[in-house]
Amino acid sequence: MSSFYTEQIGSDSILHNKYGIYSRNELEFQIYEGLLTIGELAQIYDLKEYQMVHVLRSLKISQRNNLNDIRTSSPFLTSHMHQVLLGTLLGDAYMKEPKRYQVAHSVNQIDYLYHIAFNLSPFISAIGYGRNNIGEFFFLWTHNHYLFIPYFEKFYSHGKAKKYLRKDIIYELDARGLAYWYMDDGKYNKYGVYLCVGNITFKEGEGFIIALKERFGLECTFQFHNIEKGHYNIYIKAESRKKFFALIEPFIIPSMSYKLKGESPPKTPFSRELVLNYHKDLCSKEKRPIYFSGQDFSEIIHRTSKELYIEKIRNDIITNKQISRTQFRVLPSEDVLREMFSNGKTDQQIADQFKFGRNRIAAVRRSIGIPRKKYRK
């Protein structure tokens, strides 16, 4: 029998080739359900990427998951996700590159950050913990994905590092998006409320005022927040605050409800266990490991990272719980090859026996000076 063949066992196709034995069902599950990339599969099976591609092509498996190697379980942005992205990008979220969304919040707002992660969970690549001169914070970022490009174009259309806020964004907002804007970067005032907009121009601000009036019927003004930095706020007037709160209250999460009452932010009882539970719940919802970065939590959170899934597959290989495995092949010595050729073995027969390609055996035969005509058939 040739060293390259595929056999059908029930609904599964089993490939036998020069690298080893591979199950179509197992590899498809690892690509589409485990969301592993070609490189990750190659590492698991101790192959080079081009060799893994050869295995997948031989089994007629699509070489990538349905989102081209970005490990995202859903290729669609729902209308809900759209509002989360618009609202938070009007606030503190940012995009340093056209295909990736990022946001950071203080440890006191860990509940809100994980709330955003849950709402964008198919696209979340990692969550992390860090410190700076202001204090401790958590951050998240998504996989690179072409679906985020329109958001970069909306908010960074000048091609600069800072956002450029166009009034037409307001016309895309609904009450949910407005709520996320307020949760992300809004502030209660004794009479009205503020929506922070950073260092936009006065012309941009005036456009926002008009758009908020036309879209939601809110009376607003444009005010300085920090003259030295050139930062502005949109101020929703007292006569419109009740209407504004009526619009957004259904979408305000409990940990951010203080923004509706003019109270101080609640202090989160912070602990490693809290972070671990949030992260485990996120991974459980998405049914995949999501990486966590942060020196103070890595030894805990990394138990739920994608390495755990890869480790399971490796253990299954070692304990013979799965079919797919790479078999390391060793060429026979020159003396053994000479003896085999002397006994009438052909290139193909030796290739089949040692699971190498016939061309490889022929090349070795030539290198040790054995004539072609006598032994090659």
Protein backbone atom coordinates (compact mmCIF):
# COMPACT_ATOMS: atom_id res chain seq x y z
CA MET A 1 0.00 0.00 0.00
CA SER A 2 1.23 3.50 -0.79
CA SER A 3 2.53 5.59 2.10
CA PHE A 4 0.01 8.30 1.06
CA TYR A 5 -3.62 7.29 1.34
CA THR A 6 -6.91 8.24 2.94
CA GLU A 7 -9.34 5.78 4.47
CA GLN A 8 -12.96 6.36 5.42
CA ILE A 9 -13.99 5.27 8.93
CA GLY A 10 -17.63 6.07 9.53
CA SER A 11 -18.07 9.80 9.01
CA ASP A 12 -14.35 10.48 9.46
CA SER A 13 -11.55 10.57 6.89
CA ILE A 14 -8.16 9.37 8.12
CA LEU A 15 -5.08 10.56 6.25
CA HIS A 16 -1.90 8.50 6.29
CA ASN A 17 1.01 10.43 4.85
CA LYS A 18 4.73 10.93 5.34
CA TYR A 19 4.14 13.12 8.39
CA GLY A 20 1.81 10.83 10.33
CA ILE A 21 -1.87 10.00 10.76
CA TYR A 22 -4.53 12.73 10.82
CA SER A 23 -8.27 12.75 11.41
CA ARG A 24 -10.42 15.16 9.44
CA ASN A 25 -13.01 15.39 12.25
CA GLU A 26 -10.38 16.17 14.89
CA LEU A 27 -8.58 18.83 12.86
CA GLU A 28 -11.82 20.48 11.74
CA PHE A 29 -12.96 20.67 15.36
CA GLN A 30 -9.66 22.26 16.41
CA ILE A 31 -9.92 24.87 13.64
CA TYR A 32 -13.61 25.76 13.80
CA GLU A 33 -14.50 25.07 17.44
CA GLY A 34 -11.11 25.46 19.13
CA LEU A 35 -10.40 28.40 16.82
CA LEU A 36 -6.76 27.43 16.40
CA THR A 37 -4.65 28.92 13.64
CA ILE A 38 -2.42 27.07 11.19
CA GLY A 39 0.63 28.08 13.22
CA GLU A 40 -0.90 26.79 16.46
CA LEU A 41 -1.88 23.49 14.85
CA ALA A 42 1.62 23.13 13.43
CA GLN A 43 3.12 23.63 16.90
CA ILE A 44 0.81 21.02 18.41
CA TYR A 45 1.76 18.41 15.83
CA ASP A 46 5.45 19.40 15.59
CA LEU A 47 5.13 20.35 11.94
CA LYS A 48 6.10 23.38 9.92
CA GLU A 49 3.22 25.56 8.77
CA TYR A 50 3.53 24.50 5.11
CA GLN A 51 3.41 20.86 6.23
CA MET A 52 0.23 21.52 8.22
CA VAL A 53 -1.27 23.20 5.17
CA HIS A 54 -0.44 20.07 3.13
CA VAL A 55 -2.23 17.88 5.70
CA LEU A 56 -5.34 20.08 5.68
CA ARG A 57 -5.46 20.27 1.89
CA SER A 58 -5.12 16.49 1.65
CA LEU A 59 -8.16 16.15 3.94
CA LYS A 60 -10.00 18.89 2.00
CA ILE A 61 -10.26 21.08 5.08
CA SER A 62 -10.50 24.85 4.65
CA GLN A 63 -7.09 26.16 5.69
CA ARG A 64 -8.46 28.85 7.96
CA ASN A 65 -11.37 29.32 10.27
CA ASN A 66 -14.16 31.38 8.74
CA LEU A 67 -12.55 34.64 9.82
CA ASN A 68 -9.15 34.11 8.24
CA ASP A 69 -7.03 33.19 11.21
CA ILE A 70 -8.20 35.75 13.75
CA ARG A 71 -9.84 33.33 16.19
CA THR A 72 -13.18 35.10 16.30
CA SER A 73 -16.22 32.91 16.74
CA SER A 74 -18.69 35.25 15.02
CA PRO A 75 -18.08 37.17 11.80
CA PHE A 76 -20.96 39.57 12.42
CA LEU A 77 -21.38 42.81 14.34
CA THR A 78 -24.91 42.97 15.70
CA SER A 79 -26.83 46.23 16.07
CA HIS A 80 -26.23 45.91 19.82
CA MET A 81 -22.45 45.65 19.27
CA HIS A 82 -22.63 48.60 16.88
CA GLN A 83 -24.11 50.80 19.61
CA VAL A 84 -21.54 49.62 22.16
CA LEU A 85 -18.73 50.53 19.76
CA LEU A 86 -20.18 53.93 18.85
CA GLY A 87 -20.96 54.88 22.44
CA THR A 88 -17.62 53.85 23.90
CA LEU A 89 -15.62 55.37 21.03
CA LEU A 90 -17.41 58.64 21.69
CA GLY A 91 -16.07 58.13 25.21
CA ASP A 92 -12.70 56.71 26.23
CA ALA A 93 -12.31 53.77 23.84
CA TYR A 94 -9.73 54.19 21.09
CA MET A 95 -8.23 52.62 17.98
CA LYS A 96 -4.49 52.81 17.36
CA GLU A 97 -4.90 50.87 14.11
CA PRO A 98 -7.79 50.49 11.66
CA LYS A 99 -8.75 46.91 12.59
CA ARG A 100 -8.45 46.87 16.39
CA TYR A 101 -10.60 48.34 19.14
CA GLN A 102 -9.22 49.05 22.63
CA VAL A 103 -10.46 50.50 25.90
CA ALA A 104 -9.09 50.92 29.42
CA HIS A 105 -10.71 51.70 32.78
CA SER A 106 -9.64 51.97 36.40
CA VAL A 107 -9.81 48.92 38.66
CA ASN A 108 -12.89 50.51 40.22
CA GLN A 109 -14.70 49.98 36.91
CA ILE A 110 -13.68 46.37 36.35
CA ASP A 111 -17.37 45.37 36.25
CA TYR A 112 -18.00 47.84 33.42
CA LEU A 113 -14.93 46.75 31.46
CA TYR A 114 -15.94 43.11 31.62
CA HIS A 115 -19.49 44.17 30.69
CA ILE A 116 -18.06 45.64 27.47
CA ALA A 117 -16.03 42.46 26.95
CA PHE A 118 -19.16 40.32 27.34
CA ASN A 119 -21.00 42.44 24.77
CA LEU A 120 -18.13 42.19 22.26
CA SER A 121 -17.02 38.72 23.36
CA PRO A 122 -16.68 37.07 19.91
CA PHE A 123 -14.06 39.67 19.01
CA ILE A 124 -12.14 39.95 22.30
CA SER A 125 -8.51 38.92 21.96
CA ALA A 126 -7.23 39.68 25.45
CA ILE A 127 -7.79 41.52 28.70
CA GLY A 128 -4.97 42.90 30.78
CA TYR A 129 -3.99 44.58 34.01
CA GLY A 130 -1.47 47.40 34.38
CA ARG A 131 -0.24 50.37 36.38
CA ASN A 132 0.78 53.89 35.44
CA ASN A 133 1.44 57.15 37.25
CA ILE A 134 -2.29 57.62 37.77
CA GLY A 135 -2.99 54.22 39.26
CA GLU A 136 -4.08 50.66 38.46
CA PHE A 137 -6.27 49.88 35.49
CA PHE A 138 -7.66 47.12 33.30
CA PHE A 139 -7.75 47.16 29.52
CA LEU A 140 -9.03 45.04 26.68
CA TRP A 141 -8.37 44.76 23.00
CA THR A 142 -9.94 42.88 20.12
CA HIS A 143 -8.52 40.73 17.37
CA ASN A 144 -7.64 42.57 14.21
CA HIS A 145 -10.75 42.42 12.07
CA TYR A 146 -11.86 44.13 8.87
CA LEU A 147 -15.28 44.84 10.43
CA PHE A 148 -13.66 47.48 12.64
CA ILE A 149 -12.30 49.49 9.71
CA PRO A 150 -15.50 51.59 9.29
CA TYR A 151 -15.26 52.66 12.93
CA PHE A 152 -11.68 53.79 12.46
CA GLU A 153 -12.78 55.75 9.42
CA LYS A 154 -15.63 57.36 11.38
CA PHE A 155 -13.51 58.46 14.32
CA TYR A 156 -10.07 58.94 12.78
CA SER A 157 -11.00 60.22 9.34
CA HIS A 158 -8.29 62.91 9.44
CA GLY A 159 -5.65 60.19 9.62
CA LYS A 160 -4.32 61.55 12.91
CA ALA A 161 -3.65 59.89 16.25
CA LYS A 162 -6.54 61.77 17.87
CA LYS A 163 -10.20 61.25 17.23
CA TYR A 164 -12.15 63.43 14.88
CA LEU A 165 -15.79 63.43 15.97
CA ARG A 166 -18.26 64.01 13.17
CA LYS A 167 -21.84 64.96 13.92
CA ASP A 168 -23.21 62.25 11.61
CA ILE A 169 -22.09 59.70 14.24
CA ILE A 170 -24.86 61.06 16.50
CA TYR A 171 -27.49 60.18 13.90
CA GLU A 172 -26.36 56.54 14.09
CA LEU A 173 -26.77 56.45 17.88
CA ASP A 174 -29.84 55.11 19.59
CA ALA A 175 -30.64 55.27 23.33
CA ARG A 176 -28.35 52.30 24.02
CA GLY A 177 -25.37 53.97 22.34
CA LEU A 178 -26.13 57.17 24.22
CA ALA A 179 -26.09 55.19 27.48
CA TYR A 180 -22.67 53.73 26.71
CA TRP A 181 -21.32 57.18 25.93
CA TYR A 182 -22.55 58.41 29.31
CA MET A 183 -21.30 55.34 31.21
CA ASP A 184 -17.94 55.58 29.51
CA ASP A 185 -17.27 59.28 29.79
CA GLY A 186 -20.23 61.16 31.23
CA LYS A 187 -20.62 63.08 34.46
CA TYR A 188 -23.56 64.05 36.66
CA ASN A 189 -24.01 67.73 37.44
CA LYS A 190 -26.16 69.45 40.04
CA TYR A 191 -28.49 70.67 37.32
CA GLY A 192 -27.67 68.89 34.07
CA VAL A 193 -25.12 66.32 32.88
CA TYR A 194 -21.85 66.41 30.95
CA LEU A 195 -20.72 64.29 28.03
CA CYS A 196 -16.95 64.57 27.66
CA VAL A 197 -15.62 65.00 24.13
CA GLY A 198 -11.96 65.92 24.67
CA ASN A 199 -10.06 68.36 22.48
CA ILE A 200 -12.39 68.61 19.52
CA THR A 201 -12.87 71.89 17.66
CA PHE A 202 -15.62 74.36 18.38
CA LYS A 203 -17.09 73.65 14.95
CA GLU A 204 -17.27 69.92 15.73
CA GLY A 205 -18.90 70.69 19.06
CA GLU A 206 -21.52 72.93 17.50
CA GLY A 207 -22.33 70.14 15.07
CA PHE A 208 -22.85 67.76 17.98
CA ILE A 209 -25.21 70.18 19.70
CA ILE A 210 -27.37 70.41 16.57
CA ALA A 211 -27.32 66.63 16.06
CA LEU A 212 -28.30 65.84 19.67
CA LYS A 213 -31.21 68.28 19.38
CA GLU A 214 -32.42 66.77 16.10
CA ARG A 215 -31.81 63.13 17.03
CA PHE A 216 -32.97 63.03 20.66
CA GLY A 217 -34.61 66.40 21.32
CA LEU A 218 -31.96 67.33 23.90
CA GLU A 219 -31.10 70.94 24.66
CA CYS A 220 -27.31 71.24 24.99
CA THR A 221 -24.46 73.72 25.07
CA PHE A 222 -20.76 73.40 24.31
CA GLN A 223 -18.52 74.30 27.25
CA PHE A 224 -14.85 74.39 28.17
CA HIS A 225 -13.74 71.60 30.46
CA ASN A 226 -10.01 72.35 30.59
CA ILE A 227 -8.92 75.60 28.95
CA GLU A 228 -5.20 74.78 29.10
CA LYS A 229 -5.67 71.46 27.30
CA GLY A 230 -8.43 72.74 25.06
CA HIS A 231 -10.85 70.07 26.28
CA TYR A 232 -14.59 70.58 25.93
CA ASN A 233 -17.77 69.04 27.32
CA ILE A 234 -21.23 68.83 25.90
CA TYR A 235 -23.56 70.04 28.63
CA ILE A 236 -27.11 68.68 28.59
CA LYS A 237 -29.22 71.38 30.15
CA ALA A 238 -31.35 70.94 33.26
CA GLU A 239 -34.59 71.01 31.28
CA SER A 240 -33.40 68.02 29.23
CA ARG A 241 -31.79 65.92 31.96
CA LYS A 242 -34.98 64.05 32.87
CA LYS A 243 -35.56 63.16 29.23
CA PHE A 244 -31.94 62.12 28.82
CA PHE A 245 -32.07 59.81 31.86
CA ALA A 246 -35.39 58.33 30.68
CA LEU A 247 -33.71 57.42 27.39
CA ILE A 248 -30.59 55.80 28.83
CA GLU A 249 -31.71 54.31 32.17
CA PRO A 250 -32.85 50.94 30.73
CA PHE A 251 -29.29 50.36 29.49
CA ILE A 252 -27.30 51.56 32.51
CA ILE A 253 -25.70 48.61 34.30
CA PRO A 254 -26.05 48.45 38.14
CA SER A 255 -22.42 49.29 38.87
CA MET A 256 -22.77 52.53 36.86
CA SER A 257 -26.16 53.58 38.24
CA TYR A 258 -24.44 56.09 40.54
CA LYS A 259 -24.12 58.30 37.45
CA LEU A 260 -27.90 58.67 37.44
CA LYS A 261 -28.02 59.75 41.08
CA GLY A 262 -25.11 62.12 41.51
CA GLU A 263 -23.41 59.73 43.92
CA SER A 264 -19.72 58.94 44.29
CA PRO A 265 -18.47 55.87 42.40
CA PRO A 266 -18.78 52.75 44.54
CA LYS A 267 -15.55 51.17 45.67
CA THR A 268 -15.18 47.69 44.23
CA PRO A 269 -14.03 45.09 46.78
CA PHE A 270 -11.02 44.17 44.69
CA SER A 271 -9.41 40.73 44.78
CA ARG A 272 -7.68 38.17 42.58
CA GLU A 273 -10.70 35.91 42.96
CA LEU A 274 -12.94 38.66 41.58
CA VAL A 275 -10.80 39.01 38.45
CA LEU A 276 -10.58 35.26 38.00
CA ASN A 277 -14.35 34.82 38.27
CA TYR A 278 -15.04 37.60 35.75
CA HIS A 279 -12.54 36.10 33.34
CA LYS A 280 -13.73 32.53 33.74
CA ASP A 281 -17.31 33.65 33.06
CA LEU A 282 -16.17 35.45 29.91
CA CYS A 283 -14.30 32.39 28.64
CA SER A 284 -17.28 30.20 29.49
CA LYS A 285 -19.66 32.46 27.55
CA GLU A 286 -17.43 32.46 24.51
CA LYS A 287 -16.51 28.75 24.87
CA ARG A 288 -12.86 29.50 24.19
CA PRO A 289 -9.86 30.60 26.21
CA ILE A 290 -9.24 34.37 26.20
CA TYR A 291 -5.75 35.53 27.02
CA PHE A 292 -5.11 37.58 30.14
CA SER A 293 -2.05 39.81 30.45
CA GLY A 294 -0.81 41.19 33.73
CA GLN A 295 2.09 40.40 36.02
CA ASP A 296 0.05 40.30 39.20
CA PHE A 297 -2.56 37.91 37.85
CA SER A 298 -0.82 35.80 35.22
CA GLU A 299 -0.27 32.76 37.43
CA ILE A 300 -4.02 32.59 38.07
CA ILE A 301 -5.59 33.72 34.84
CA HIS A 302 -3.31 31.84 32.49
CA ARG A 303 -5.03 28.64 33.54
CA THR A 304 -7.85 29.76 31.28
CA SER A 305 -5.72 30.89 28.34
CA LYS A 306 -5.55 29.15 24.98
CA GLU A 307 -2.42 27.30 26.12
CA LEU A 308 -4.72 25.18 28.28
CA TYR A 309 -6.63 23.99 25.21
CA ILE A 310 -3.42 23.26 23.31
CA GLU A 311 -2.05 21.40 26.33
CA LYS A 312 -5.19 19.23 26.39
CA ILE A 313 -4.71 18.22 22.75
CA ARG A 314 -1.06 17.38 23.40
CA ASN A 315 -2.06 15.25 26.39
CA ASP A 316 -4.68 13.49 24.28
CA ILE A 317 -1.99 12.66 21.74
CA ILE A 318 0.34 11.27 24.41
CA THR A 319 -2.42 9.18 26.03
CA ASN A 320 -3.78 7.91 22.67
CA LYS A 321 -7.15 9.63 23.16
CA GLN A 322 -7.13 10.99 19.64
CA ILE A 323 -6.22 9.69 16.20
CA SER A 324 -4.15 12.57 14.82
CA ARG A 325 -0.46 12.37 15.55
CA THR A 326 2.85 13.07 13.88
CA GLN A 327 5.17 10.11 13.51
CA PHE A 328 8.82 10.99 13.44
CA ARG A 329 10.51 9.18 10.58
CA VAL A 330 14.15 8.13 10.49
CA LEU A 331 15.93 7.16 7.32
CA PRO A 332 17.77 3.85 7.47
CA SER A 333 21.57 3.94 7.43
CA GLU A 334 23.55 3.65 4.20
CA ASP A 335 24.51 0.05 5.01
CA VAL A 336 20.86 -0.90 5.52
CA LEU A 337 19.86 0.82 2.30
CA ARG A 338 22.62 -0.90 0.31
CA GLU A 339 21.50 -4.25 1.65
CA MET A 340 17.85 -3.54 0.82
CA PHE A 341 18.73 -2.48 -2.72
CA SER A 342 20.94 -5.54 -3.09
CA ASN A 343 17.95 -7.68 -2.11
CA GLY A 344 15.95 -6.18 -4.99
CA LYS A 345 13.96 -3.53 -3.16
CA THR A 346 12.82 -0.60 -5.28
CA ASP A 347 12.71 3.10 -4.37
CA GLN A 348 8.94 2.90 -3.92
CA GLN A 349 9.03 -0.20 -1.72
CA ILE A 350 11.58 1.37 0.62
CA ALA A 351 9.63 4.66 0.64
CA ASP A 352 6.45 2.79 1.65
CA GLN A 353 8.23 0.90 4.40
CA PHE A 354 9.79 3.97 6.03
CA LYS A 355 6.97 6.42 5.22
CA PHE A 356 9.09 8.69 3.04
CA GLY A 357 8.44 9.98 -0.44
CA ARG A 358 9.90 7.98 -3.32
CA ASN A 359 11.87 11.01 -4.54
CA ARG A 360 13.55 11.29 -1.14
CA ILE A 361 14.67 7.66 -1.26
CA ALA A 362 15.86 8.07 -4.83
CA ALA A 363 17.92 11.11 -3.83
CA VAL A 364 19.57 9.16 -0.99
CA ARG A 365 20.25 6.25 -3.35
CA ARG A 366 21.98 8.56 -5.80
CA SER A 367 24.00 10.18 -3.03
CA ILE A 368 25.51 6.82 -2.03
CA GLY A 369 26.35 5.92 -5.64
CA ILE A 370 23.80 3.18 -6.37
CA PRO A 371 22.88 3.13 -10.10
CA ARG A 372 19.42 4.25 -11.12
CA LYS A 373 18.61 1.75 -13.86
CA LYS A 374 19.11 -1.35 -11.80
CA TYR A 375 17.12 -0.34 -8.71
CA ARG A 376 14.59 2.30 -9.74
CA LYS A 377 11.27 1.06 -11.08
